[in-house]
Protein backbone atom coordinates (compact mmCIF):
# COMPACT_ATOMS: atom_id res chain seq x y z
CA MET A 1 -73.14 -137.11 20.10
CA ALA A 2 -74.71 -133.63 19.92
CA ALA A 3 -77.41 -132.76 22.43
CA LEU A 4 -80.95 -132.09 21.31
CA CYS A 5 -81.85 -128.49 20.64
CA GLU A 6 -82.82 -126.67 23.85
CA PHE A 7 -84.70 -123.74 22.27
CA PHE A 8 -87.06 -123.45 19.30
CA ARG A 9 -87.73 -120.33 17.29
CA ILE A 10 -91.48 -119.92 16.91
CA GLY A 11 -91.66 -116.48 15.31
CA ARG A 12 -89.71 -113.56 13.89
CA ILE A 13 -90.62 -109.98 14.74
CA VAL A 14 -91.38 -108.16 11.49
CA ARG A 15 -92.54 -104.76 12.75
CA PRO A 16 -94.15 -102.80 15.58
CA HIS A 17 -97.92 -103.02 15.98
CA GLY A 18 -99.46 -99.86 17.37
CA VAL A 19 -97.84 -97.34 19.70
CA HIS A 20 -97.67 -99.26 23.00
CA GLY A 21 -94.84 -101.69 22.15
CA ALA A 22 -96.80 -104.59 20.64
CA VAL A 23 -95.16 -106.49 17.78
CA LYS A 24 -96.23 -108.35 14.67
CA LEU A 25 -94.67 -111.80 14.26
CA GLU A 26 -94.10 -113.92 11.22
CA PRO A 27 -95.14 -117.31 12.68
CA MET A 28 -92.70 -120.22 12.45
CA SER A 29 -95.02 -122.90 13.77
CA ASP A 30 -97.53 -125.16 12.05
CA SER A 31 -100.13 -124.38 14.71
CA LEU A 32 -101.19 -120.75 15.04
CA MET A 33 -103.33 -121.59 18.07
CA ARG A 34 -100.15 -122.40 20.03
CA TYR A 35 -99.54 -118.64 20.34
CA LYS A 36 -102.85 -118.10 22.16
CA ARG A 37 -101.55 -120.20 25.09
CA LEU A 38 -98.09 -118.59 25.11
CA ARG A 39 -97.28 -116.75 28.36
CA GLU A 40 -93.54 -117.29 28.87
CA ALA A 41 -90.97 -117.17 26.09
CA TYR A 42 -87.55 -115.84 25.19
CA ILE A 43 -86.47 -113.09 22.85
CA GLU A 44 -83.37 -113.91 20.80
CA ARG A 45 -81.20 -111.08 19.51
CA ASN A 46 -77.66 -111.50 18.21
CA GLY A 47 -77.55 -115.08 19.53
CA VAL A 48 -78.50 -114.04 23.09
CA ARG A 49 -81.81 -115.13 24.64
CA GLU A 50 -83.61 -113.26 27.41
CA PRO A 51 -86.80 -114.41 29.17
CA ILE A 52 -89.95 -112.40 28.48
CA THR A 53 -93.63 -112.59 29.30
CA VAL A 54 -96.26 -112.52 26.57
CA SER A 55 -99.77 -111.06 26.70
CA ASP A 56 -102.59 -109.80 24.49
CA VAL A 57 -102.00 -112.31 21.70
CA GLY A 58 -103.99 -111.96 18.49
CA VAL A 59 -103.84 -114.47 15.65
CA LYS A 60 -104.63 -113.78 11.99
CA GLU A 61 -104.25 -116.22 9.09
CA ASP A 62 -100.64 -115.23 8.36
CA ALA A 63 -99.50 -113.22 11.39
CA VAL A 64 -99.45 -113.10 15.16
CA TYR A 65 -99.69 -109.91 17.20
CA MET A 66 -98.56 -109.76 20.83
CA SER A 67 -97.39 -107.58 23.65
CA ILE A 68 -94.09 -108.59 25.20
CA SER A 69 -92.57 -107.47 28.49
CA CYS A 70 -89.37 -106.03 26.99
CA SER A 71 -91.23 -103.59 24.73
CA ALA A 72 -93.23 -100.65 26.13
CA SER A 73 -93.18 -98.24 23.17
CA ARG A 74 -93.20 -98.18 19.39
CA ASP A 75 -89.47 -97.35 19.47
CA ASP A 76 -88.80 -100.41 21.68
CA ALA A 77 -90.75 -102.59 19.25
CA GLU A 78 -88.92 -101.11 16.25
CA ALA A 79 -85.58 -101.98 17.87
CA LEU A 80 -86.75 -105.62 18.05
CA ARG A 81 -87.36 -105.93 14.29
CA GLY A 82 -85.73 -109.17 13.10
CA ALA A 83 -85.45 -110.68 16.60
CA TYR A 84 -86.91 -114.12 17.28
CA ILE A 85 -89.44 -115.30 19.83
CA CYS A 86 -88.35 -118.70 21.19
CA VAL A 87 -89.60 -121.30 23.62
CA ASP A 88 -87.57 -123.82 25.56
CA ARG A 89 -88.05 -127.55 25.06
CA ALA A 90 -90.21 -127.82 28.20
CA HIS A 91 -92.72 -125.32 26.72
CA ALA A 92 -92.58 -126.60 23.15
CA MET A 93 -95.65 -128.17 21.58
CA LYS A 94 -96.06 -131.88 22.10
CA LEU A 95 -95.66 -133.56 18.72
CA PRO A 96 -97.56 -136.55 17.35
CA LYS A 97 -95.76 -139.87 17.02
CA ASP A 98 -93.18 -139.96 14.19
CA THR A 99 -93.11 -136.16 13.97
CA TYR A 100 -89.96 -134.20 14.81
CA PHE A 101 -88.80 -130.65 15.28
CA VAL A 102 -86.72 -129.50 12.30
CA GLU A 103 -84.01 -128.34 14.71
CA ASP A 104 -83.70 -131.92 16.01
CA LEU A 105 -83.39 -133.38 12.50
CA ILE A 106 -80.64 -131.01 11.37
CA GLY A 107 -77.29 -132.68 12.01
CA CYS A 108 -78.55 -136.28 11.96
CA ARG A 109 -76.29 -138.78 10.21
CA VAL A 110 -78.14 -140.40 7.32
CA SER A 111 -77.56 -143.87 5.87
CA ASP A 112 -79.63 -146.34 3.88
CA ASP A 113 -80.74 -149.85 4.83
CA THR A 114 -77.71 -151.37 3.09
CA GLY A 115 -75.39 -149.49 5.46
CA ARG A 116 -74.25 -146.93 2.89
CA GLU A 117 -73.47 -143.60 4.57
CA LEU A 118 -75.19 -140.76 2.70
CA GLY A 119 -74.10 -137.79 4.81
CA THR A 120 -75.68 -135.38 7.28
CA LEU A 121 -79.13 -133.82 7.12
CA THR A 122 -78.27 -130.13 6.67
CA ASP A 123 -81.58 -128.44 5.81
CA VAL A 124 -85.33 -128.99 5.58
CA PHE A 125 -87.34 -127.14 2.93
CA GLU A 126 -91.07 -126.68 3.48
CA THR A 127 -92.68 -126.99 0.05
CA GLY A 128 -96.34 -127.26 0.94
CA ALA A 129 -96.90 -130.80 -0.32
CA ASN A 130 -94.25 -132.37 1.92
CA ASP A 131 -90.92 -131.30 3.31
CA VAL A 132 -87.73 -131.95 1.37
CA TYR A 133 -84.58 -133.04 3.21
CA GLU A 134 -81.17 -131.84 2.05
CA ILE A 135 -78.46 -134.36 2.89
CA SER A 136 -74.85 -133.29 2.41
CA GLY A 137 -72.23 -135.96 1.96
CA GLU A 138 -70.00 -137.14 -0.86
CA LYS A 139 -72.84 -135.98 -3.10
CA LYS A 140 -75.68 -133.66 -2.13
CA LEU A 141 -79.05 -135.42 -1.97
CA LEU A 142 -82.55 -133.94 -1.99
CA LEU A 143 -85.24 -136.29 -0.70
CA PRO A 144 -88.97 -135.71 -0.20
CA ALA A 145 -89.81 -136.57 3.41
CA LEU A 146 -92.10 -139.48 2.56
CA LYS A 147 -92.98 -142.05 5.25
CA ARG A 148 -92.20 -144.85 2.82
CA ALA A 149 -88.68 -143.47 2.26
CA ILE A 150 -87.74 -143.27 5.93
CA ILE A 151 -87.24 -146.53 7.80
CA SER A 152 -86.26 -144.97 11.11
CA THR A 153 -85.45 -141.66 12.73
CA ASP A 154 -83.62 -141.51 16.06
CA VAL A 155 -83.06 -137.87 16.98
CA GLU A 156 -81.57 -138.74 20.38
CA ASN A 157 -78.81 -140.78 18.70
CA ARG A 158 -78.75 -138.30 15.78
CA CYS A 159 -79.31 -140.82 12.98
CA MET A 160 -81.80 -141.63 10.22
CA VAL A 161 -82.08 -144.72 8.01
CA LEU A 162 -83.63 -144.54 4.54
CA ASP A 163 -85.09 -147.26 2.32
CA SER A 164 -82.55 -147.75 -0.49
CA LYS A 165 -85.18 -148.82 -3.05
CA VAL A 166 -87.41 -145.80 -2.41
CA LEU A 167 -84.32 -143.57 -2.31
CA GLU A 168 -83.36 -144.64 -5.85
CA GLU A 169 -86.92 -143.90 -6.98
CA VAL A 170 -87.49 -140.44 -5.42
CA GLY A 171 -84.08 -139.14 -4.32
CA LEU A 172 -82.31 -136.51 -6.39
CA PHE A 173 -78.52 -136.87 -6.24
CA GLU A 174 -76.21 -134.05 -7.28
CA ASP A 175 -74.15 -134.90 -10.36
């Protein structure tokens, strides 16, 4: 059984902001206010994470601006373009009941309530209305993440059970 994800990407650096090393982030979190409380994080480049400190956070409707300890100049910030800001599980947001981190859902085995194995959850698409799960197995399946379609989710045991009747109604199977 695979372990739960230890780190979560919460933003991608898109460009420098100003001349003193601040960066502009594309947020990857549902809650922009979470960035205001951020003090410790990690920068991920080429699969390697290094601890950083965060300060001077500004939040706009579609972007986050921050100063980070590993960037003291515009050139430093430019070199970070495309890098990710991450938090560890201990500093991740606390989620409401029956809500999961996408990283924890990816890789879950998926079956229906009749015991039929459908495959592995391989991707989650954010569509605005509700997420869509991509399940890869014998046939690829796209399923809107509706509460009525999902009987149970157990990320610690890496499995999900779907309602077979709702699945036939809303699931889209590859031909």
